[in-house]
């Protein structure tokens, strides 16, 4: 698998968790609806992309933010999303990531991407919404962690730790 793609996904796991931990340490942010809803959205979309690039045997459940009454329940959902993505990455071969797939939620016109492009979108989508949640955490008086890709490189590509 392309080393840059592996870096983007490794960074995604780490940066997601860094922000989850910062939000978890700030009571007002833990209870903030905007943050809760975006955290749910990030991990719902990650699951959709894992399904889209996987074998598609079992369609992911569509959940709503309200299905997760607490921050910790939503964090468990996020951990499961990361676990599914990691298992998928372990199973993909160098040839699989070059294959084209249809993205089913784009219908008119249809969208065909390589698995690499789809996984890159998954990482970039998470990146976008992490930025929104970092801004919201700061608005609530918290301190968002530095989660830029270059910081991840600088720190030696640390593993993600919940």
Protein backbone atom coordinates (compact mmCIF):
# COMPACT_ATOMS: atom_id res chain seq x y z
CA UNK A 1 0.00 0.00 0.00
CA UNK A 2 1.20 3.51 -0.77
CA UNK A 3 3.30 4.89 2.09
CA UNK A 4 1.64 8.34 1.94
CA UNK A 5 -1.81 6.76 2.22
CA UNK A 6 -0.62 4.69 5.18
CA UNK A 7 0.71 7.89 6.75
CA UNK A 8 -2.59 9.70 6.20
CA UNK A 9 -4.52 6.87 7.81
CA UNK A 10 -2.05 6.43 10.67
CA UNK A 11 -2.26 10.16 11.27
CA UNK A 12 -6.06 10.01 11.12
CA UNK A 13 -6.20 7.43 13.92
CA UNK A 14 -3.74 9.36 16.06
CA UNK A 15 -5.27 12.81 15.46
CA UNK A 16 -8.82 11.54 16.05
CA UNK A 17 -7.78 10.09 19.40
CA UNK A 18 -5.75 13.14 20.43
CA UNK A 19 -8.82 15.31 19.90
CA UNK A 20 -11.15 12.78 21.56
CA UNK A 21 -8.88 12.84 24.62
CA UNK A 22 -8.79 16.65 24.72
CA UNK A 23 -12.56 16.87 24.42
CA UNK A 24 -12.95 14.17 27.05
CA UNK A 25 -10.88 16.22 29.50
CA UNK A 26 -13.09 19.30 29.09
CA UNK A 27 -16.53 18.82 30.71
CA UNK A 28 -18.27 21.51 28.67
CA UNK A 29 -16.95 20.06 25.42
CA UNK A 30 -17.93 16.51 26.42
CA UNK A 31 -21.55 17.68 26.67
CA UNK A 32 -21.58 19.97 23.63
CA UNK A 33 -24.17 18.93 21.03
CA UNK A 34 -22.26 20.33 18.04
CA UNK A 35 -19.13 18.38 18.99
CA UNK A 36 -21.14 15.24 19.76
CA UNK A 37 -22.93 15.38 16.43
CA UNK A 38 -19.72 15.94 14.45
CA UNK A 39 -17.89 13.16 16.30
CA UNK A 40 -20.72 10.83 15.38
CA UNK A 41 -20.63 12.00 11.77
CA UNK A 42 -16.85 11.45 11.50
CA UNK A 43 -17.12 7.85 12.62
CA UNK A 44 -20.32 7.10 10.71
CA UNK A 45 -18.56 8.20 7.53
CA UNK A 46 -15.45 6.19 8.40
CA UNK A 47 -17.67 3.11 8.68
CA UNK A 48 -19.31 3.90 5.35
CA UNK A 49 -15.92 4.08 3.62
CA UNK A 50 -14.68 0.90 5.30
CA UNK A 51 -17.78 -0.81 3.93
CA UNK A 52 -17.41 0.80 0.48
CA UNK A 53 -13.82 -0.38 0.03
CA UNK A 54 -14.35 -3.71 1.78
CA UNK A 55 -16.28 -6.79 0.71
CA UNK A 56 -19.66 -5.07 1.26
CA UNK A 57 -21.03 -8.29 2.74
CA UNK A 58 -22.76 -6.52 5.63
CA UNK A 59 -23.99 -2.98 5.15
CA UNK A 60 -23.13 -0.73 8.10
CA UNK A 61 -25.93 0.30 10.41
CA UNK A 62 -27.05 3.87 9.97
CA UNK A 63 -27.05 5.47 13.39
CA UNK A 64 -27.97 8.89 14.67
CA UNK A 65 -26.10 11.02 17.20
CA UNK A 66 -29.03 10.59 19.60
CA UNK A 67 -28.37 6.83 19.62
CA UNK A 68 -25.36 7.60 21.82
CA UNK A 69 -26.61 9.17 25.02
CA UNK A 70 -23.18 9.74 26.53
CA UNK A 71 -19.74 10.81 25.45
CA UNK A 72 -18.36 7.43 26.50
CA UNK A 73 -20.94 5.51 24.47
CA UNK A 74 -19.99 7.55 21.40
CA UNK A 75 -16.29 7.01 22.14
CA UNK A 76 -16.90 3.23 22.12
CA UNK A 77 -18.53 3.60 18.72
CA UNK A 78 -15.47 5.56 17.51
CA UNK A 79 -13.11 2.86 18.82
CA UNK A 80 -15.10 0.25 16.90
CA UNK A 81 -14.86 2.41 13.75
CA UNK A 82 -11.11 2.63 14.09
CA UNK A 83 -10.88 -1.11 14.73
CA UNK A 84 -12.81 -1.90 11.56
CA UNK A 85 -10.62 0.46 9.53
CA UNK A 86 -7.43 -1.08 10.91
CA UNK A 87 -8.61 -4.60 10.12
CA UNK A 88 -9.47 -3.50 6.60
CA UNK A 89 -6.02 -1.98 6.08
CA UNK A 90 -4.33 -5.16 7.29
CA UNK A 91 -6.24 -7.18 4.73
CA UNK A 92 -5.65 -4.97 1.68
CA UNK A 93 -3.01 -5.83 -0.86
CA UNK A 94 -0.99 -3.60 -3.13
CA UNK A 95 -3.24 -4.53 -6.04
CA UNK A 96 -6.50 -4.05 -4.14
CA UNK A 97 -5.85 -0.37 -3.47
CA UNK A 98 -5.55 0.23 -7.22
CA UNK A 99 -8.93 -1.33 -8.01
CA UNK A 100 -11.87 0.89 -8.86
CA UNK A 101 -15.07 0.87 -6.82
CA UNK A 102 -18.39 2.61 -7.20
CA UNK A 103 -19.31 4.99 -4.39
CA UNK A 104 -22.99 4.14 -3.96
CA UNK A 105 -24.14 7.38 -2.37
CA UNK A 106 -23.21 9.31 -5.55
CA UNK A 107 -25.84 8.46 -8.15
CA UNK A 108 -26.21 11.28 -10.68
CA UNK A 109 -23.64 11.10 -12.05
CA UNK A 110 -22.18 7.90 -10.58
CA UNK A 111 -18.73 8.08 -8.97
CA UNK A 112 -15.97 5.56 -9.47
CA UNK A 113 -12.77 5.87 -7.41
CA UNK A 114 -9.78 3.72 -6.71
CA UNK A 115 -9.66 2.21 -3.24
CA UNK A 116 -6.70 4.52 -2.58
CA UNK A 117 -8.76 7.58 -3.53
CA UNK A 118 -11.67 6.45 -1.35
CA UNK A 119 -9.43 5.88 1.68
CA UNK A 120 -7.78 9.26 1.08
CA UNK A 121 -11.23 10.85 1.12
CA UNK A 122 -11.97 9.08 4.42
CA UNK A 123 -8.84 10.59 5.96
CA UNK A 124 -9.45 14.07 4.54
CA UNK A 125 -13.08 14.06 5.64
CA UNK A 126 -12.06 13.25 9.21
CA UNK A 127 -9.39 15.96 9.04
CA UNK A 128 -11.93 18.58 8.02
CA UNK A 129 -14.33 17.81 10.86
CA UNK A 130 -11.54 17.49 13.45
CA UNK A 131 -10.67 21.09 12.62
CA UNK A 132 -14.26 22.14 13.27
CA UNK A 133 -14.29 20.32 16.60
CA UNK A 134 -10.92 21.80 17.58
CA UNK A 135 -12.32 25.29 16.92
CA UNK A 136 -15.43 24.51 18.96
CA UNK A 137 -13.31 23.15 21.82
CA UNK A 138 -11.37 26.43 21.85
CA UNK A 139 -14.65 28.42 21.83
CA UNK A 140 -15.68 26.47 24.92
CA UNK A 141 -12.47 27.42 26.73
CA UNK A 142 -10.50 24.24 26.02
CA UNK A 143 -7.13 23.80 24.41
CA UNK A 144 -7.13 21.69 21.26
CA UNK A 145 -4.07 19.52 20.74
CA UNK A 146 -1.69 20.13 17.85
CA UNK A 147 -2.73 17.42 15.39
CA UNK A 148 -1.21 18.61 12.12
CA UNK A 149 0.32 15.87 9.99
CA UNK A 150 3.72 17.54 10.38
CA UNK A 151 3.38 17.31 14.18
CA UNK A 152 2.68 13.60 13.83
CA UNK A 153 5.84 13.26 11.71
CA UNK A 154 7.83 15.39 14.19
CA UNK A 155 6.74 13.20 17.08
CA UNK A 156 7.93 10.11 15.22
CA UNK A 157 4.56 8.89 13.90
CA UNK A 158 3.17 7.97 17.31
CA UNK A 159 0.60 5.21 17.60
CA UNK A 160 -2.93 6.10 18.48
CA UNK A 161 -3.73 5.47 22.15
CA UNK A 162 -7.23 5.75 23.51
